C-alpha atoms as a PDB file:
ATOM      1  CA  MET A   1     131.840 109.625 101.994  1.00  0.00           C
ATOM      2  CA  TYR A   2     129.182 109.678  97.972  1.00  0.00           C
ATOM      3  CA  GLN A   3     132.165 111.177  96.343  1.00  0.00           C
ATOM      4  CA  GLU A   4     132.431 107.837  94.197  1.00  0.00           C
ATOM      5  CA  ASN A   5     129.086 106.518  93.564  1.00  0.00           C
ATOM      6  CA  ILE A   6     127.546 109.857  92.668  1.00  0.00           C
ATOM      7  CA  THR A   7     128.086 109.448  88.710  1.00  0.00           C
ATOM      8  CA  ALA A   8     125.497 106.649  88.907  1.00  0.00           C
ATOM      9  CA  LEU A   9     122.749 108.849  90.623  1.00  0.00           C
ATOM     10  CA  LYS A  10     120.228 109.937  87.897  1.00  0.00           C
ATOM     11  CA  LYS A  11     119.514 113.620  87.681  1.00  0.00           C
ATOM     12  CA  ASP A  12     115.551 112.343  86.780  1.00  0.00           C
ATOM     13  CA  ALA A  13     115.841 110.758  90.134  1.00  0.00           C
ATOM     14  CA  PRO A  14     113.519 112.591  92.450  1.00  0.00           C
ATOM     15  CA  ILE A  15     114.833 114.380  95.888  1.00  0.00           C
ATOM     16  CA  GLY A  16     113.756 113.162  99.518  1.00  0.00           C
ATOM     17  CA  VAL A  17     113.129 115.400 101.645  1.00  0.00           C
ATOM     18  CA  PHE A  18     111.589 115.213 105.268  1.00  0.00           C
ATOM     19  CA  ASP A  19     110.478 116.902 108.160  1.00  0.00           C
ATOM     20  CA  SER A  20     108.735 116.265 112.323  1.00  0.00           C
ATOM     21  CA  GLY A  21     105.296 116.765 110.449  1.00  0.00           C
ATOM     22  CA  ILE A  22     104.127 119.995 108.433  1.00  0.00           C
ATOM     23  CA  GLY A  23     107.071 123.295 109.407  1.00  0.00           C
ATOM     24  CA  GLY A  24     109.276 121.242 105.987  1.00  0.00           C
ATOM     25  CA  LEU A  25     106.515 121.991 103.344  1.00  0.00           C
ATOM     26  CA  THR A  26     108.249 126.129 103.095  1.00  0.00           C
ATOM     27  CA  VAL A  27     111.051 123.872 102.648  1.00  0.00           C
ATOM     28  CA  ALA A  28     109.624 121.927 100.156  1.00  0.00           C
ATOM     29  CA  ARG A  29     107.588 125.415  98.711  1.00  0.00           C
ATOM     30  CA  GLU A  30     111.244 126.665  97.749  1.00  0.00           C
ATOM     31  CA  ILE A  31     112.644 123.716  96.347  1.00  0.00           C
ATOM     32  CA  MET A  32     109.551 124.220  93.335  1.00  0.00           C
ATOM     33  CA  ARG A  33     110.502 127.930  93.473  1.00  0.00           C
ATOM     34  CA  GLN A  34     114.020 127.412  92.885  1.00  0.00           C
ATOM     35  CA  ILE A  35     114.722 124.361  90.697  1.00  0.00           C
ATOM     36  CA  PRO A  36     111.295 123.464  89.190  1.00  0.00           C
ATOM     37  CA  ASN A  37     112.442 120.639  87.361  1.00  0.00           C
ATOM     38  CA  GLU A  38     112.989 118.314  90.674  1.00  0.00           C
ATOM     39  CA  LYS A  39     110.743 115.028  91.357  1.00  0.00           C
ATOM     40  CA  ILE A  40     110.136 115.653  95.258  1.00  0.00           C
ATOM     41  CA  ILE A  41     109.389 112.972  97.236  1.00  0.00           C
ATOM     42  CA  TYR A  42     108.343 113.886 100.314  1.00  0.00           C
ATOM     43  CA  PHE A  43     108.080 112.806 104.734  1.00  0.00           C
ATOM     44  CA  GLY A  44     105.891 114.277 107.717  1.00  0.00           C
ATOM     45  CA  ASP A  45     106.351 112.058 110.847  1.00  0.00           C
ATOM     46  CA  THR A  46     102.656 113.884 111.619  1.00  0.00           C
ATOM     47  CA  ALA A  47     102.486 110.862 114.024  1.00  0.00           C
ATOM     48  CA  ARG A  48     105.344 111.613 115.863  1.00  0.00           C
ATOM     49  CA  MET A  49     106.075 115.318 116.518  1.00  0.00           C
ATOM     50  CA  PRO A  50     106.870 117.030 117.487  1.00  0.00           C
ATOM     51  CA  TYR A  51     110.370 116.608 117.499  1.00  0.00           C
ATOM     52  CA  GLY A  52     111.403 119.336 119.305  1.00  0.00           C
ATOM     53  CA  SER A  53     111.075 118.287 123.197  1.00  0.00           C
ATOM     54  CA  LYS A  54     112.489 114.675 122.556  1.00  0.00           C
ATOM     55  CA  SER A  55     116.609 113.009 123.229  1.00  0.00           C
ATOM     56  CA  ARG A  56     119.015 113.169 120.286  1.00  0.00           C
ATOM     57  CA  GLU A  57     118.763 109.457 120.616  1.00  0.00           C
ATOM     58  CA  THR A  58     115.500 109.043 119.840  1.00  0.00           C
ATOM     59  CA  VAL A  59     115.188 112.059 116.943  1.00  0.00           C
ATOM     60  CA  THR A  60     118.212 110.107 115.514  1.00  0.00           C
ATOM     61  CA  GLY A  61     116.713 106.940 115.520  1.00  0.00           C
ATOM     62  CA  PHE A  62     113.404 108.398 113.796  1.00  0.00           C
ATOM     63  CA  SER A  63     115.021 110.287 111.244  1.00  0.00           C
ATOM     64  CA  LYS A  64     117.317 106.909 109.680  1.00  0.00           C
ATOM     65  CA  GLN A  65     113.850 105.122 109.668  1.00  0.00           C
ATOM     66  CA  ILE A  66     112.712 107.814 107.149  1.00  0.00           C
ATOM     67  CA  VAL A  67     116.045 107.808 105.335  1.00  0.00           C
ATOM     68  CA  ARG A  68     115.901 104.108 104.859  1.00  0.00           C
ATOM     69  CA  PHE A  69     111.436 104.826 103.542  1.00  0.00           C
ATOM     70  CA  LEU A  70     113.140 107.750 101.342  1.00  0.00           C
ATOM     71  CA  GLU A  71     116.028 105.779  99.889  1.00  0.00           C
ATOM     72  CA  THR A  72     112.804 102.717  98.266  1.00  0.00           C
ATOM     73  CA  PHE A  73     112.020 105.884  96.206  1.00  0.00           C
ATOM     74  CA  GLN A  74     116.226 105.317  94.918  1.00  0.00           C
ATOM     75  CA  VAL A  75     116.549 109.498  96.032  1.00  0.00           C
ATOM     76  CA  LYS A  76     119.571 111.401  94.382  1.00  0.00           C
ATOM     77  CA  THR A  77     119.935 113.720  97.703  1.00  0.00           C
ATOM     78  CA  ILE A  78     118.461 114.771 100.265  1.00  0.00           C
ATOM     79  CA  VAL A  79     116.945 117.825 102.824  1.00  0.00           C
ATOM     80  CA  VAL A  80     116.617 117.221 106.351  1.00  0.00           C
ATOM     81  CA  ALA A  81     113.572 120.024 106.364  1.00  0.00           C
ATOM     82  CA  CYS A  82     113.600 120.330 110.179  1.00  0.00           C
ATOM     83  CA  ASN A  83     115.580 122.248 112.871  1.00  0.00           C
ATOM     84  CA  THR A  84     115.736 119.783 115.378  1.00  0.00           C
ATOM     85  CA  ALA A  85     116.906 116.640 113.162  1.00  0.00           C
ATOM     86  CA  SER A  86     119.346 118.463 111.263  1.00  0.00           C
ATOM     87  CA  ALA A  87     121.074 119.536 115.331  1.00  0.00           C
ATOM     88  CA  TYR A  88     120.674 116.051 116.502  1.00  0.00           C
ATOM     89  CA  ALA A  89     120.432 114.061 112.991  1.00  0.00           C
ATOM     90  CA  LEU A  90     122.857 114.721 110.492  1.00  0.00           C
ATOM     91  CA  ASP A  91     125.993 114.031 111.623  1.00  0.00           C
ATOM     92  CA  GLU A  92     125.027 110.514 112.107  1.00  0.00           C
ATOM     93  CA  LEU A  93     123.259 111.071 108.619  1.00  0.00           C
ATOM     94  CA  GLU A  94     126.163 111.980 106.277  1.00  0.00           C
ATOM     95  CA  LYS A  95     128.018 108.877 107.656  1.00  0.00           C
ATOM     96  CA  GLU A  96     125.725 106.608 106.897  1.00  0.00           C
ATOM     97  CA  LEU A  97     124.192 107.759 102.892  1.00  0.00           C
ATOM     98  CA  ASP A  98     125.872 106.957 100.109  1.00  0.00           C
ATOM     99  CA  ILE A  99     124.192 109.775  98.511  1.00  0.00           C
ATOM    100  CA  PRO A 100     124.231 113.433  99.634  1.00  0.00           C
ATOM    101  CA  ILE A 101     122.213 115.061 101.765  1.00  0.00           C
ATOM    102  CA  ILE A 102     121.449 118.958 103.314  1.00  0.00           C
ATOM    103  CA  GLY A 103     120.292 120.019 106.483  1.00  0.00           C
ATOM    104  CA  VAL A 104     119.469 123.053 107.632  1.00  0.00           C
ATOM    105  CA  ILE A 105     121.088 124.540 109.749  1.00  0.00           C
ATOM    106  CA  LYS A 106     123.729 125.452 108.076  1.00  0.00           C
ATOM    107  CA  PRO A 107     122.141 126.968 105.257  1.00  0.00           C
ATOM    108  CA  GLY A 108     121.097 130.027 106.560  1.00  0.00           C
ATOM    109  CA  ALA A 109     123.552 130.107 109.714  1.00  0.00           C
ATOM    110  CA  LYS A 110     125.775 131.414 106.901  1.00  0.00           C
ATOM    111  CA  THR A 111     123.986 133.439 105.205  1.00  0.00           C
ATOM    112  CA  ALA A 112     124.078 135.462 108.751  1.00  0.00           C
ATOM    113  CA  ALA A 113     127.794 135.452 108.441  1.00  0.00           C
ATOM    114  CA  GLU A 114     128.095 136.950 105.721  1.00  0.00           C
ATOM    115  CA  VAL A 115     124.583 140.114 105.872  1.00  0.00           C
ATOM    116  CA  THR A 116     125.098 140.649 109.822  1.00  0.00           C
ATOM    117  CA  ARG A 117     126.477 144.120 109.801  1.00  0.00           C
ATOM    118  CA  ASN A 118     126.863 144.221 114.063  1.00  0.00           C
ATOM    119  CA  GLY A 119     127.858 141.654 114.812  1.00  0.00           C
ATOM    120  CA  ARG A 120     124.072 140.594 116.482  1.00  0.00           C
ATOM    121  CA  ILE A 121     122.665 137.295 115.452  1.00  0.00           C
ATOM    122  CA  GLY A 122     118.743 136.639 116.767  1.00  0.00           C
ATOM    123  CA  VAL A 123     118.586 132.698 116.393  1.00  0.00           C
ATOM    124  CA  ILE A 124     114.887 132.085 116.749  1.00  0.00           C
ATOM    125  CA  ALA A 125     113.274 127.978 117.235  1.00  0.00           C
ATOM    126  CA  THR A 126     112.200 125.879 119.027  1.00  0.00           C
ATOM    127  CA  GLU A 127     113.644 124.824 122.696  1.00  0.00           C
ATOM    128  CA  ALA A 128     116.036 122.321 121.025  1.00  0.00           C
ATOM    129  CA  THR A 129     117.538 123.989 118.871  1.00  0.00           C
ATOM    130  CA  ILE A 130     118.131 126.712 121.288  1.00  0.00           C
ATOM    131  CA  GLY A 131     119.908 124.414 123.211  1.00  0.00           C
ATOM    132  CA  SER A 132     121.756 122.391 120.606  1.00  0.00           C
ATOM    133  CA  GLN A 133     123.189 125.531 120.296  1.00  0.00           C
ATOM    134  CA  MET A 134     123.867 125.119 116.763  1.00  0.00           C
ATOM    135  CA  TYR A 135     123.535 127.985 115.105  1.00  0.00           C
ATOM    136  CA  ASN A 136     125.785 129.315 117.378  1.00  0.00           C
ATOM    137  CA  LYS A 137     128.432 126.950 116.325  1.00  0.00           C
ATOM    138  CA  TYR A 138     128.786 127.458 112.610  1.00  0.00           C
ATOM    139  CA  ILE A 139     128.055 131.116 112.947  1.00  0.00           C
ATOM    140  CA  GLN A 140     130.631 131.638 114.900  1.00  0.00           C
ATOM    141  CA  GLU A 141     133.243 129.342 112.753  1.00  0.00           C
ATOM    142  CA  LEU A 142     132.081 131.182 109.874  1.00  0.00           C
ATOM    143  CA  ASN A 143     132.997 134.626 111.743  1.00  0.00           C
ATOM    144  CA  LYS A 144     134.377 134.500 115.182  1.00  0.00           C
ATOM    145  CA  ASN A 145     133.833 138.295 115.999  1.00  0.00           C
ATOM    146  CA  VAL A 146     129.968 137.968 116.546  1.00  0.00           C
ATOM    147  CA  THR A 147     127.719 137.080 119.316  1.00  0.00           C
ATOM    148  CA  ILE A 148     123.897 135.057 118.750  1.00  0.00           C
ATOM    149  CA  TYR A 149     120.907 135.848 120.458  1.00  0.00           C
ATOM    150  CA  GLY A 150     118.805 132.406 121.598  1.00  0.00           C
ATOM    151  CA  LYS A 151     115.054 132.843 122.006  1.00  0.00           C
ATOM    152  CA  ALA A 152     113.015 129.939 121.591  1.00  0.00           C
ATOM    153  CA  CYS A 153     109.214 130.303 120.244  1.00  0.00           C
ATOM    154  CA  PRO A 154     107.572 127.692 121.588  1.00  0.00           C
ATOM    155  CA  LEU A 155     103.635 129.039 120.830  1.00  0.00           C
ATOM    156  CA  PHE A 156     104.331 130.105 117.028  1.00  0.00           C
ATOM    157  CA  VAL A 157     104.652 126.284 116.224  1.00  0.00           C
ATOM    158  CA  PRO A 158     101.033 125.341 117.844  1.00  0.00           C
ATOM    159  CA  LEU A 159      99.621 128.822 116.219  1.00  0.00           C
ATOM    160  CA  VAL A 160     100.983 128.716 112.583  1.00  0.00           C
ATOM    161  CA  GLU A 161      99.585 125.029 112.509  1.00  0.00           C
ATOM    162  CA  GLU A 162      95.923 126.414 113.606  1.00  0.00           C
ATOM    163  CA  GLY A 163      95.873 128.962 111.035  1.00  0.00           C
ATOM    164  CA  LEU A 164      96.656 131.799 113.193  1.00  0.00           C
ATOM    165  CA  TRP A 165      99.146 133.398 110.366  1.00  0.00           C
ATOM    166  CA  GLU A 166      97.663 137.372 109.949  1.00  0.00           C
ATOM    167  CA  ASP A 167      96.046 137.632 114.102  1.00  0.00           C
ATOM    168  CA  PRO A 168      96.381 139.698 116.838  1.00  0.00           C
ATOM    169  CA  VAL A 169      97.167 136.893 119.087  1.00  0.00           C
ATOM    170  CA  THR A 170     100.165 135.179 116.859  1.00  0.00           C
ATOM    171  CA  ASP A 171     100.850 139.229 116.605  1.00  0.00           C
ATOM    172  CA  GLU A 172     100.930 139.268 120.655  1.00  0.00           C
ATOM    173  CA  ILE A 173     103.308 136.806 121.306  1.00  0.00           C
ATOM    174  CA  ALA A 174     105.168 137.444 118.503  1.00  0.00           C
ATOM    175  CA  ARG A 175     105.947 140.896 120.566  1.00  0.00           C
ATOM    176  CA  ARG A 176     106.700 139.122 124.124  1.00  0.00           C
ATOM    177  CA  TYR A 177     109.027 136.914 122.539  1.00  0.00           C
ATOM    178  CA  LEU A 178     110.566 139.648 120.423  1.00  0.00           C
ATOM    179  CA  THR A 179     110.685 142.595 122.437  1.00  0.00           C
ATOM    180  CA  GLU A 180     114.362 141.923 124.763  1.00  0.00           C
ATOM    181  CA  LEU A 181     116.347 140.722 120.712  1.00  0.00           C
ATOM    182  CA  ILE A 182     114.905 144.835 119.360  1.00  0.00           C
ATOM    183  CA  ASP A 183     116.138 145.460 123.248  1.00  0.00           C
ATOM    184  CA  ILE A 184     119.937 144.045 122.662  1.00  0.00           C
ATOM    185  CA  ASP A 185     119.403 145.499 119.097  1.00  0.00           C
ATOM    186  CA  ILE A 186     120.418 142.127 117.265  1.00  0.00           C
ATOM    187  CA  ASP A 187     121.101 143.483 112.842  1.00  0.00           C
ATOM    188  CA  THR A 188     119.924 139.683 111.650  1.00  0.00           C
ATOM    189  CA  LEU A 189     117.301 137.682 113.067  1.00  0.00           C
ATOM    190  CA  ILE A 190     117.536 133.935 111.873  1.00  0.00           C
ATOM    191  CA  LEU A 191     113.935 131.333 111.688  1.00  0.00           C
ATOM    192  CA  GLY A 192     115.453 128.947 112.480  1.00  0.00           C
ATOM    193  CA  CYS A 193     112.080 126.365 112.202  1.00  0.00           C
ATOM    194  CA  THR A 194     110.493 125.396 109.168  1.00  0.00           C
ATOM    195  CA  HIS A 195     106.971 126.450 110.721  1.00  0.00           C
ATOM    196  CA  TYR A 196     108.424 130.092 110.731  1.00  0.00           C
ATOM    197  CA  PRO A 197     108.661 131.471 107.505  1.00  0.00           C
ATOM    198  CA  LEU A 198     104.440 131.449 107.489  1.00  0.00           C
ATOM    199  CA  ILE A 199     104.624 134.447 109.762  1.00  0.00           C
ATOM    200  CA  ARG A 200     107.575 136.073 108.713  1.00  0.00           C
ATOM    201  CA  SER A 201     105.378 138.612 108.039  1.00  0.00           C
ATOM    202  CA  THR A 202     104.712 139.172 111.567  1.00  0.00           C
ATOM    203  CA  VAL A 203     108.022 138.610 112.494  1.00  0.00           C
ATOM    204  CA  GLY A 204     109.065 141.278 109.925  1.00  0.00           C
ATOM    205  CA  ARG A 205     106.969 143.859 110.858  1.00  0.00           C
ATOM    206  CA  ILE A 206     107.756 143.678 114.661  1.00  0.00           C
ATOM    207  CA  MET A 207     111.281 143.581 114.312  1.00  0.00           C
ATOM    208  CA  GLY A 208     111.084 146.919 111.674  1.00  0.00           C
ATOM    209  CA  ASP A 209     112.894 147.535 108.340  1.00  0.00           C
ATOM    210  CA  GLN A 210     116.591 148.068 110.788  1.00  0.00           C
ATOM    211  CA  VAL A 211     116.813 143.977 110.707  1.00  0.00           C
ATOM    212  CA  THR A 212     117.628 141.678 108.369  1.00  0.00           C
ATOM    213  CA  LEU A 213     115.423 138.067 108.769  1.00  0.00           C
ATOM    214  CA  VAL A 214     117.170 134.883 107.098  1.00  0.00           C
ATOM    215  CA  ASN A 215     114.408 132.366 106.203  1.00  0.00           C
ATOM    216  CA  PRO A 216     116.739 129.226 106.188  1.00  0.00           C
ATOM    217  CA  ALA A 217     114.240 126.943 103.289  1.00  0.00           C
ATOM    218  CA  TYR A 218     115.019 129.805 100.933  1.00  0.00           C
ATOM    219  CA  GLU A 219     119.185 129.407 102.135  1.00  0.00           C
ATOM    220  CA  THR A 220     118.458 125.373 101.594  1.00  0.00           C
ATOM    221  CA  ALA A 221     117.334 125.297  98.544  1.00  0.00           C
ATOM    222  CA  ARG A 222     119.503 127.502  96.436  1.00  0.00           C
ATOM    223  CA  GLU A 223     122.386 125.080  98.486  1.00  0.00           C
ATOM    224  CA  LEU A 224     120.318 122.858  97.036  1.00  0.00           C
ATOM    225  CA  LYS A 225     121.019 123.917  93.367  1.00  0.00           C
ATOM    226  CA  GLU A 226     124.178 124.684  93.805  1.00  0.00           C
ATOM    227  CA  LEU A 227     125.594 120.848  95.473  1.00  0.00           C
ATOM    228  CA  LEU A 228     123.076 119.686  92.098  1.00  0.00           C
ATOM    229  CA  GLN A 229     125.025 121.361  89.910  1.00  0.00           C
ATOM    230  CA  GLN A 230     128.434 120.757  91.589  1.00  0.00           C
ATOM    231  CA  TYR A 231     127.702 116.735  91.312  1.00  0.00           C
ATOM    232  CA  ASN A 232     126.154 117.029  88.498  1.00  0.00           C
ATOM    233  CA  ILE A 233     122.750 115.743  88.988  1.00  0.00           C
ATOM    234  CA  LEU A 234     120.487 118.057  88.647  1.00  0.00           C
ATOM    235  CA  ASN A 235     117.804 117.677  86.449  1.00  0.00           C
ATOM    236  CA  GLU A 236     117.177 120.133  83.353  1.00  0.00           C
ATOM    237  CA  GLU A 237     114.516 118.362  82.351  1.00  0.00           C
ATOM    238  CA  GLU A 238     111.026 118.759  82.659  1.00  0.00           C
ATOM    239  CA  PRO A 239     109.155 115.649  83.995  1.00  0.00           C
ATOM    240  CA  HIS A 240     106.803 114.258  80.983  1.00  0.00           C
ATOM    241  CA  LEU A 241     102.884 115.158  80.999  1.00  0.00           C
ATOM    242  CA  GLY A 242     101.198 112.653  83.317  1.00  0.00           C
ATOM    243  CA  GLU A 243     104.199 111.982  85.380  1.00  0.00           C
ATOM    244  CA  ASN A 244     103.581 112.130  89.722  1.00  0.00           C
ATOM    245  CA  LYS A 245     106.746 115.833  89.859  1.00  0.00           C
ATOM    246  CA  TYR A 246     104.969 115.745  93.633  1.00  0.00           C
ATOM    247  CA  GLN A 247     104.507 113.152  96.404  1.00  0.00           C
ATOM    248  CA  PHE A 248     103.453 113.300 100.125  1.00  0.00           C
ATOM    249  CA  TYR A 249     103.776 110.745 102.720  1.00  0.00           C
ATOM    250  CA  VAL A 250     103.400 111.606 105.845  1.00  0.00           C
ATOM    251  CA  SER A 251     103.146 109.228 109.401  1.00  0.00           C
ATOM    252  CA  ASP A 252      99.120 110.275 110.532  1.00  0.00           C
ATOM    253  CA  GLY A 253      97.091 112.617 109.474  1.00  0.00           C
ATOM    254  CA  ALA A 254      96.871 112.357 106.033  1.00  0.00           C
ATOM    255  CA  GLU A 255      93.843 114.522 105.178  1.00  0.00           C
ATOM    256  CA  LYS A 256      94.543 116.825 107.602  1.00  0.00           C
ATOM    257  CA  PHE A 257      98.829 117.386 106.388  1.00  0.00           C
ATOM    258  CA  LYS A 258      97.034 117.892 102.819  1.00  0.00           C
ATOM    259  CA  ARG A 259      94.433 120.859 103.784  1.00  0.00           C
ATOM    260  CA  PHE A 260      97.528 122.521 105.402  1.00  0.00           C
ATOM    261  CA  ALA A 261      99.613 121.377 102.535  1.00  0.00           C
ATOM    262  CA  ASN A 262      97.146 122.965  99.890  1.00  0.00           C
ATOM    263  CA  SER A 263      97.012 125.641 101.952  1.00  0.00           C
ATOM    264  CA  ILE A 264     101.001 126.583 101.434  1.00  0.00           C
ATOM    265  CA  ILE A 265     101.644 125.214  98.664  1.00  0.00           C
ATOM    266  CA  LYS A 266      99.864 126.894  95.026  1.00  0.00           C
ATOM    267  CA  TYR A 267     100.842 123.740  92.565  1.00  0.00           C
ATOM    268  CA  GLY A 268      97.901 121.191  93.178  1.00  0.00           C
ATOM    269  CA  ILE A 269      98.618 118.109  96.141  1.00  0.00           C
ATOM    270  CA  LEU A 270      96.276 115.593  94.655  1.00  0.00           C
ATOM    271  CA  SER A 271      97.237 113.250  97.642  1.00  0.00           C
ATOM    272  CA  ALA A 272      99.128 112.790 101.217  1.00  0.00           C
ATOM    273  CA  LYS A 273      99.657 108.896 101.581  1.00  0.00           C
ATOM    274  CA  THR A 274      99.650 107.434 105.580  1.00  0.00           C
ATOM    275  CA  ILE A 275     102.875 104.447 105.531  1.00  0.00           C
ATOM    276  CA  LYS A 276     103.604 103.129 108.692  1.00  0.00           C
ATOM    277  CA  ILE A 277     107.182 103.973 109.035  1.00  0.00           C
ATOM    278  CA  ASP A 278     108.358 102.080 112.310  1.00  0.00           C
ATOM    279  CA  GLU A 279     108.279  98.931 108.905  1.00  0.00           C
ATOM    280  CA  TYR A 280     111.535 101.037 108.275  1.00  0.00           C
END
């Protein structure tokens, strides 16, 4: 695959991160926290979101366009910070790329398989991610003695995007979604959509202390660091003063994206540029 090209990659090259919109910012935030010397080029496909209701072919086509855009920055690796794109497009992208690429499903699945005590794991996500059964597939490859219970929670995404992270409406919707998972006595719950870490405290309060929450955004950043170390392309030097460390691009609504991004990332997002992704 890409192993023979690794030596040509520069340590100070940026990491490409993409999502169907804004949820992937939780992944970008974890990368900033855990590997602070890395530069990031982020693309959010805000004009064409959500991906969760689209077909595998459509999501794969969109993902290939975005990867071509990110490659114009000579990125050294790509993070698919979207559960739907990770489920539908990652395998296809891996075949075509000569740089490392990781998604958000495998890291979360790996952690869940390791931490469960009673073998009952819940996954909350979009309908597309639940329907893809990808979390089930990866978890059971690692631990056959588990049962996975998937629950689509489609209203969580608009609630998060409206900023209703700590709100009685979100509490009520979460209780309705999560009651059946509580009743079947899961001990581990994967937050299988990149928006969901923003309502982690609400989910955790409803599920109770006996349930371990797995945040794939955190686990993906951790796995990314290990991958960069493995191929000796971890950037060990701090970027120069004044260097544009984090760049953000969207396919629509740059101002709205920028406001949301600044509400969750405290590293000063100075701008977000709109680009015509259909041209790639």
